[in-house]
Protein backbone atom coordinates (compact mmCIF):
# COMPACT_ATOMS: atom_id res chain seq x y z
CA UNK A 1 172.41 168.83 84.98
CA UNK A 2 175.78 168.41 86.69
CA UNK A 3 177.03 170.91 89.27
CA UNK A 4 179.80 172.17 86.97
CA UNK A 5 177.27 172.69 84.19
CA UNK A 6 175.05 174.61 86.62
CA UNK A 7 177.99 176.86 87.54
CA UNK A 8 178.73 177.55 83.87
CA UNK A 9 175.04 178.24 83.17
CA UNK A 10 174.84 180.69 86.09
CA UNK A 11 178.07 182.35 84.95
CA UNK A 12 176.74 182.86 81.44
CA UNK A 13 173.46 184.24 82.79
CA UNK A 14 175.30 186.69 85.05
CA UNK A 15 177.32 187.84 82.04
CA UNK A 16 174.20 188.09 79.83
CA UNK A 17 172.35 190.02 82.54
CA UNK A 18 175.28 192.39 83.04
CA UNK A 19 175.60 193.02 79.30
CA UNK A 20 171.83 193.57 78.99
CA UNK A 21 172.27 196.38 81.52
CA UNK A 22 175.16 197.81 79.40
CA UNK A 23 177.78 197.26 82.09
CA UNK A 24 181.39 196.25 81.55
CA UNK A 25 182.77 193.94 84.24
CA UNK A 26 184.55 196.55 86.35
CA UNK A 27 181.65 199.06 86.58
CA UNK A 28 179.23 196.22 87.29
CA UNK A 29 181.45 194.84 90.06
CA UNK A 30 181.48 198.30 91.62
CA UNK A 31 177.69 198.63 91.18
CA UNK A 32 177.13 195.21 92.78
CA UNK A 33 179.75 195.93 95.49
CA UNK A 34 181.70 192.75 94.73
CA UNK A 35 185.35 192.13 93.94
CA UNK A 36 186.18 192.18 90.22
CA UNK A 37 188.12 188.91 90.46
CA UNK A 38 185.13 187.26 92.16
CA UNK A 39 182.83 188.45 89.37
CA UNK A 40 185.22 187.10 86.74
CA UNK A 41 185.42 183.64 88.35
CA UNK A 42 181.62 183.58 88.71
CA UNK A 43 181.08 184.50 85.05
CA UNK A 44 183.57 181.85 83.93
CA UNK A 45 181.73 179.27 86.00
CA UNK A 46 184.90 178.34 87.89
CA UNK A 47 183.44 178.46 91.39
CA UNK A 48 180.52 179.83 93.36
CA UNK A 49 181.31 182.71 95.72
CA UNK A 50 179.92 183.15 99.23
CA UNK A 51 176.16 183.53 99.55
CA UNK A 52 176.53 187.20 100.54
CA UNK A 53 178.28 187.85 97.23
CA UNK A 54 175.65 185.89 95.31
CA UNK A 55 172.95 187.99 97.01
CA UNK A 56 174.69 191.20 95.94
CA UNK A 57 174.93 190.00 92.34
CA UNK A 58 171.26 188.96 92.36
CA UNK A 59 170.23 192.34 93.70
CA UNK A 60 172.32 194.21 91.13
CA UNK A 61 170.78 192.13 88.31
CA UNK A 62 167.23 192.45 89.74
CA UNK A 63 167.01 188.69 90.15
CA UNK A 64 164.95 186.82 92.71
CA UNK A 65 166.76 186.58 96.04
CA UNK A 66 168.31 183.14 96.41
CA UNK A 67 167.84 182.20 92.74
CA UNK A 68 171.52 181.39 92.14
CA UNK A 69 171.78 179.24 95.27
CA UNK A 70 168.52 177.52 94.31
CA UNK A 71 169.95 176.47 90.94
CA UNK A 72 173.23 175.32 92.43
CA UNK A 73 171.60 173.39 95.28
CA UNK A 74 169.01 171.71 93.05
CA UNK A 75 171.06 171.29 89.90
CA UNK A 76 170.14 167.59 89.64
CA UNK A 77 166.42 168.28 89.24
CA UNK A 78 166.36 171.60 87.36
CA UNK A 79 166.74 171.13 83.60
CA UNK A 80 169.40 173.48 82.19
CA UNK A 81 167.01 174.76 79.49
CA UNK A 82 164.71 176.06 82.27
CA UNK A 83 167.44 178.24 83.79
CA UNK A 84 166.98 181.52 81.91
CA UNK A 85 167.17 185.22 82.72
CA UNK A 86 163.38 185.22 83.04
CA UNK A 87 163.56 182.30 85.48
CA UNK A 88 166.12 184.16 87.60
CA UNK A 89 163.99 187.33 87.63
CA UNK A 90 160.71 185.52 88.31
CA UNK A 91 159.24 186.83 91.56
CA UNK A 92 162.08 189.31 92.13
CA UNK A 93 159.72 192.08 93.21
CA UNK A 94 157.79 189.93 95.67
CA UNK A 95 158.77 189.69 99.33
CA UNK A 96 160.41 186.37 100.19
CA UNK A 97 159.41 184.24 103.18
CA UNK A 98 162.70 185.25 104.76
CA UNK A 99 161.81 188.95 104.34
CA UNK A 100 158.36 188.46 105.82
CA UNK A 101 159.54 186.44 108.80
CA UNK A 102 162.44 188.87 109.36
CA UNK A 103 159.98 191.74 109.67
CA UNK A 104 158.20 189.84 112.43
CA UNK A 105 161.41 188.74 114.17
CA UNK A 106 163.04 192.20 114.02
CA UNK A 107 160.90 193.21 116.96
CA UNK A 108 162.32 190.34 119.01
CA UNK A 109 166.01 190.09 118.10
CA UNK A 110 168.88 192.55 117.79
CA UNK A 111 170.30 193.31 114.36
CA UNK A 112 173.53 191.44 113.65
CA UNK A 113 176.07 194.08 112.67
CA UNK A 114 178.68 191.50 111.64
CA UNK A 115 176.73 190.76 108.47
CA UNK A 116 177.09 194.39 107.41
CA UNK A 117 180.86 194.55 107.85
CA UNK A 118 183.45 194.05 105.15
CA UNK A 119 185.99 191.30 105.75
CA UNK A 120 188.61 193.88 106.74
CA UNK A 121 186.26 195.56 109.22
CA UNK A 122 185.27 192.23 110.72
CA UNK A 123 188.90 191.15 111.15
CA UNK A 124 189.70 194.51 112.73
CA UNK A 125 186.79 194.17 115.15
CA UNK A 126 187.82 190.65 116.12
CA UNK A 127 191.44 191.72 116.58
CA UNK A 128 190.31 194.58 118.83
CA UNK A 129 188.17 192.25 120.93
CA UNK A 130 190.94 189.69 121.29
CA UNK A 131 193.51 192.33 122.25
CA UNK A 132 191.21 193.73 124.90
CA UNK A 133 189.80 190.45 126.16
CA UNK A 134 192.00 190.22 129.23
CA UNK A 135 191.36 193.85 130.16
CA UNK A 136 187.56 193.65 129.88
CA UNK A 137 187.53 197.00 128.05
CA UNK A 138 184.27 198.47 126.78
CA UNK A 139 182.27 195.56 128.11
CA UNK A 140 183.38 193.43 125.19
CA UNK A 141 184.64 190.55 127.33
CA UNK A 142 184.46 190.38 131.07
CA UNK A 143 187.37 188.48 132.70
């Protein structure tokens, strides 16, 4: 299947999954914590959003983590008739390798807070750090 066909297939599955849960677009976007415009472009198959957004949509639809990216990255070898709601949900309740290795690594590495910030919060944090860089305030940057 071509990449554009994969995008359209994913978009239709997102819409079908949303409707199966009795959600209109706006309430579902709020439930999934994604922008309504982003959800609309995803459902139309116009473009793929950032992976963080895809992960939120997958979680809201109870799909396997990484299932959308998997289809998009391997669109040449996955037949379109195999990409179904059941395929996207397959293994959704099982821990992924990333989850299992993260549990082990959490003891060794600090949690990255940047991944939890909204774009606005991240920009604000960066602006604060840049403004205070020369002053070395709060140990953010030492001159």
